[in-house]
Amino acid sequence: MASIIIIAVVFVLDVLAFVLAVGAERRRSYVTYVNVDTYGRAYCVYSSDASTAYGVSALLLLLAGQTVAMVATRCFCCGRALSPGRWRAWSGICFVVCCITFVIAELCLLAGSVRNAYHTKYIPRPSDSPPSCAMLRKGVFAAGAAFTFLTALFTELHYLFYARSRAAAAVPPPIVGGIGMTRM
């Protein structure tokens, strides 16, 4: 039977990662204006940099949730064998899908955090045109949040199907008939 504690821990970690990824999208940096310093060099002034911390926190929480689930299921490949059947098949499908969505979510959150942390400093050559200020494209953290949600969903399903298959493997098969003869 599936452990309620593991389900709850993974669920809480993944929900917190999702909320932080949505918060990172809402708080990403914007260029407020281009300013000129005392030497006449133009530079960009950025708004709050909170989304980088939100993105990294979401990345770490998602990683922690995935680690708890993979330790509990022994990465689907270690430990004693699971009973063949539909529960093992669904667990395998959910395992593959949750690994793919996990990698995509981590890459979106990491790329968004790195790009959001990068701020254009001074422009090296004097020019009359305003500097092009680097900003994170809208939707990177939102994509990370969407894939975080999918990772949470498929991780929970993988664990539930794994637990069902594990419980079915513990039950010995019934003996049918009086004499047990097999084909050779």
Protein backbone atom coordinates (compact mmCIF):
# COMPACT_ATOMS: atom_id res chain seq x y z
CA MET A 1 0.00 0.00 0.00
CA ALA A 2 1.15 3.52 -0.77
CA SER A 3 2.55 5.55 2.09
CA ILE A 4 0.47 8.62 2.87
CA ILE A 5 3.55 10.36 4.29
CA ILE A 6 5.52 10.05 1.05
CA ILE A 7 2.54 11.16 -1.02
CA ALA A 8 2.04 14.18 1.26
CA VAL A 9 5.72 15.17 1.30
CA VAL A 10 6.07 14.95 -2.47
CA PHE A 11 2.78 16.80 -2.96
CA VAL A 12 3.75 19.65 -0.62
CA LEU A 13 7.21 20.06 -2.16
CA ASP A 14 5.81 20.07 -5.70
CA VAL A 15 3.00 22.51 -4.86
CA LEU A 16 5.51 24.89 -3.24
CA ALA A 17 7.73 24.61 -6.32
CA PHE A 18 4.74 25.37 -8.55
CA VAL A 19 3.74 28.41 -6.46
CA LEU A 20 7.29 29.76 -6.48
CA ALA A 21 7.57 29.26 -10.26
CA VAL A 22 4.34 31.21 -10.78
CA GLY A 23 5.65 33.87 -8.39
CA ALA A 24 8.89 34.06 -10.36
CA GLU A 25 6.92 34.71 -13.53
CA ARG A 26 4.95 37.48 -11.85
CA ARG A 27 8.05 39.13 -10.31
CA ARG A 28 10.52 38.90 -13.17
CA SER A 29 12.80 41.88 -13.72
CA TYR A 30 11.79 44.78 -15.93
CA VAL A 31 13.86 47.70 -17.14
CA THR A 32 12.36 50.77 -15.52
CA TYR A 33 14.40 53.34 -17.43
CA VAL A 34 17.78 54.10 -18.94
CA ASN A 35 19.85 56.44 -16.83
CA VAL A 36 23.04 58.42 -17.46
CA ASP A 37 25.79 58.53 -14.83
CA THR A 38 28.07 61.45 -14.02
CA TYR A 39 30.48 60.48 -16.81
CA GLY A 40 27.77 60.55 -19.45
CA ARG A 41 27.53 56.77 -19.87
CA ALA A 42 24.08 55.27 -20.29
CA TYR A 43 23.05 52.29 -18.21
CA CYS A 44 19.92 50.25 -17.49
CA VAL A 45 18.05 50.37 -14.19
CA TYR A 46 16.23 47.14 -13.32
CA SER A 47 13.29 46.49 -11.05
CA SER A 48 13.33 43.89 -8.26
CA ASP A 49 15.42 40.77 -8.71
CA ALA A 50 13.16 38.53 -6.58
CA SER A 51 12.25 36.19 -9.41
CA THR A 52 15.77 34.78 -9.57
CA ALA A 53 15.51 33.65 -5.95
CA TYR A 54 11.98 32.34 -6.56
CA GLY A 55 13.15 30.39 -9.61
CA VAL A 56 16.12 28.83 -7.84
CA SER A 57 13.93 27.95 -4.83
CA ALA A 58 11.35 26.32 -7.12
CA LEU A 59 14.14 24.39 -8.84
CA LEU A 60 15.48 23.08 -5.51
CA LEU A 61 12.04 22.18 -4.14
CA LEU A 62 11.15 20.30 -7.32
CA LEU A 63 14.47 18.47 -7.11
CA ALA A 64 13.78 17.56 -3.47
CA GLY A 65 10.29 16.25 -4.30
CA GLN A 66 11.63 14.18 -7.18
CA THR A 67 14.42 12.81 -4.98
CA VAL A 68 11.96 11.71 -2.28
CA ALA A 69 9.77 9.96 -4.86
CA MET A 70 12.71 8.26 -6.58
CA VAL A 71 14.16 7.03 -3.28
CA ALA A 72 10.76 5.67 -2.26
CA THR A 73 10.33 3.84 -5.57
CA ARG A 74 14.00 2.90 -5.87
CA CYS A 75 14.15 4.63 -9.25
CA PHE A 76 11.80 1.94 -10.59
CA CYS A 77 14.70 -0.35 -11.41
CA CYS A 78 16.35 -1.32 -8.13
CA GLY A 79 14.96 -3.62 -5.46
CA ARG A 80 12.85 -6.71 -5.86
CA ALA A 81 10.83 -7.26 -8.99
CA LEU A 82 7.34 -5.90 -9.41
CA SER A 83 4.43 -8.07 -10.37
CA PRO A 84 3.83 -8.05 -14.12
CA GLY A 85 0.61 -6.49 -15.21
CA ARG A 86 -1.15 -3.24 -15.80
CA TRP A 87 0.09 -1.54 -12.58
CA ARG A 88 3.72 -2.10 -13.49
CA ALA A 89 3.07 -0.94 -17.05
CA TRP A 90 1.34 2.26 -15.91
CA SER A 91 4.05 2.85 -13.34
CA GLY A 92 6.70 2.55 -16.06
CA ILE A 93 4.87 4.93 -18.38
CA CYS A 94 4.40 7.49 -15.60
CA PHE A 95 8.07 7.08 -14.61
CA VAL A 96 9.28 7.93 -18.10
CA VAL A 97 6.88 10.86 -18.49
CA CYS A 98 7.70 12.29 -15.05
CA CYS A 99 11.44 12.10 -15.80
CA ILE A 100 10.96 13.95 -19.10
CA THR A 101 8.75 16.65 -17.59
CA PHE A 102 11.13 16.97 -14.62
CA VAL A 103 14.11 17.65 -16.88
CA ILE A 104 12.14 20.20 -18.92
CA ALA A 105 10.87 21.96 -15.78
CA GLU A 106 14.35 22.10 -14.26
CA LEU A 107 15.82 23.48 -17.49
CA CYS A 108 13.12 26.17 -17.75
CA LEU A 109 13.57 27.23 -14.14
CA LEU A 110 17.36 27.21 -14.39
CA ALA A 111 17.47 29.10 -17.69
CA GLY A 112 14.93 31.63 -16.45
CA SER A 113 16.84 32.22 -13.22
CA VAL A 114 20.18 32.63 -14.98
CA ARG A 115 18.78 34.92 -17.65
CA ASN A 116 16.83 36.99 -15.13
CA ALA A 117 19.95 37.44 -12.99
CA TYR A 118 21.89 38.81 -15.97
CA HIS A 119 21.65 42.58 -16.15
CA THR A 120 23.22 44.78 -18.77
CA LYS A 121 25.71 47.14 -17.18
CA TYR A 122 27.35 50.02 -18.94
CA ILE A 123 27.45 50.38 -22.69
CA PRO A 124 31.13 50.37 -23.74
CA ARG A 125 30.90 52.90 -26.56
CA PRO A 126 29.23 56.27 -26.36
CA SER A 127 26.25 56.56 -28.63
CA ASP A 128 23.14 58.64 -28.95
CA SER A 129 20.81 55.66 -28.99
CA PRO A 130 19.65 54.17 -25.70
CA PRO A 131 21.29 50.88 -24.71
CA SER A 132 19.57 47.60 -25.38
CA CYS A 133 18.76 46.28 -21.93
CA ALA A 134 18.66 42.50 -21.50
CA MET A 135 15.38 41.17 -20.10
CA LEU A 136 13.94 37.72 -19.59
CA ARG A 137 11.36 36.78 -22.16
CA LYS A 138 7.85 36.46 -20.82
CA GLY A 139 6.69 32.89 -20.23
CA VAL A 140 9.92 31.09 -19.33
CA PHE A 141 8.99 30.71 -15.67
CA ALA A 142 5.39 30.01 -16.70
CA ALA A 143 6.60 27.09 -18.81
CA GLY A 144 8.63 25.91 -15.83
CA ALA A 145 5.51 26.15 -13.66
CA ALA A 146 3.45 24.16 -16.18
CA PHE A 147 6.04 21.41 -16.38
CA THR A 148 6.37 21.47 -12.59
CA PHE A 149 2.64 20.75 -12.38
CA LEU A 150 2.95 17.90 -14.87
CA THR A 151 5.94 16.51 -12.99
CA ALA A 152 3.96 16.57 -9.75
CA LEU A 153 1.03 14.81 -11.38
CA PHE A 154 3.05 12.05 -13.03
CA THR A 155 5.30 11.55 -9.99
CA GLU A 156 2.28 10.98 -7.75
CA LEU A 157 0.74 8.59 -10.30
CA HIS A 158 4.04 6.75 -10.68
CA TYR A 159 4.29 6.26 -6.93
CA LEU A 160 0.69 5.07 -6.60
CA PHE A 161 0.99 2.59 -9.48
CA TYR A 162 4.36 1.43 -8.15
CA ALA A 163 2.84 0.77 -4.72
CA ARG A 164 -0.04 -1.20 -6.25
CA SER A 165 2.34 -3.32 -8.30
CA ARG A 166 4.56 -3.84 -5.27
CA ALA A 167 1.59 -5.00 -3.18
CA ALA A 168 0.47 -7.37 -5.96
CA ALA A 169 3.97 -8.92 -6.11
CA ALA A 170 3.81 -9.77 -2.40
CA VAL A 171 0.73 -12.00 -2.85
CA PRO A 172 1.62 -15.57 -3.95
CA PRO A 173 -0.21 -16.83 -7.03
CA PRO A 174 -3.10 -19.22 -6.37
CA ILE A 175 -2.63 -22.95 -6.93
CA VAL A 176 -5.07 -24.16 -9.52
CA GLY A 177 -5.85 -27.86 -9.72
CA GLY A 178 -4.49 -30.73 -7.68
CA ILE A 179 -1.22 -31.41 -9.48
CA GLY A 180 0.97 -28.52 -10.50
CA MET A 181 2.53 -29.47 -13.82
CA THR A 182 4.26 -27.07 -16.13
CA ARG A 183 5.18 -27.16 -19.75
CA MET A 184 8.75 -27.99 -20.54
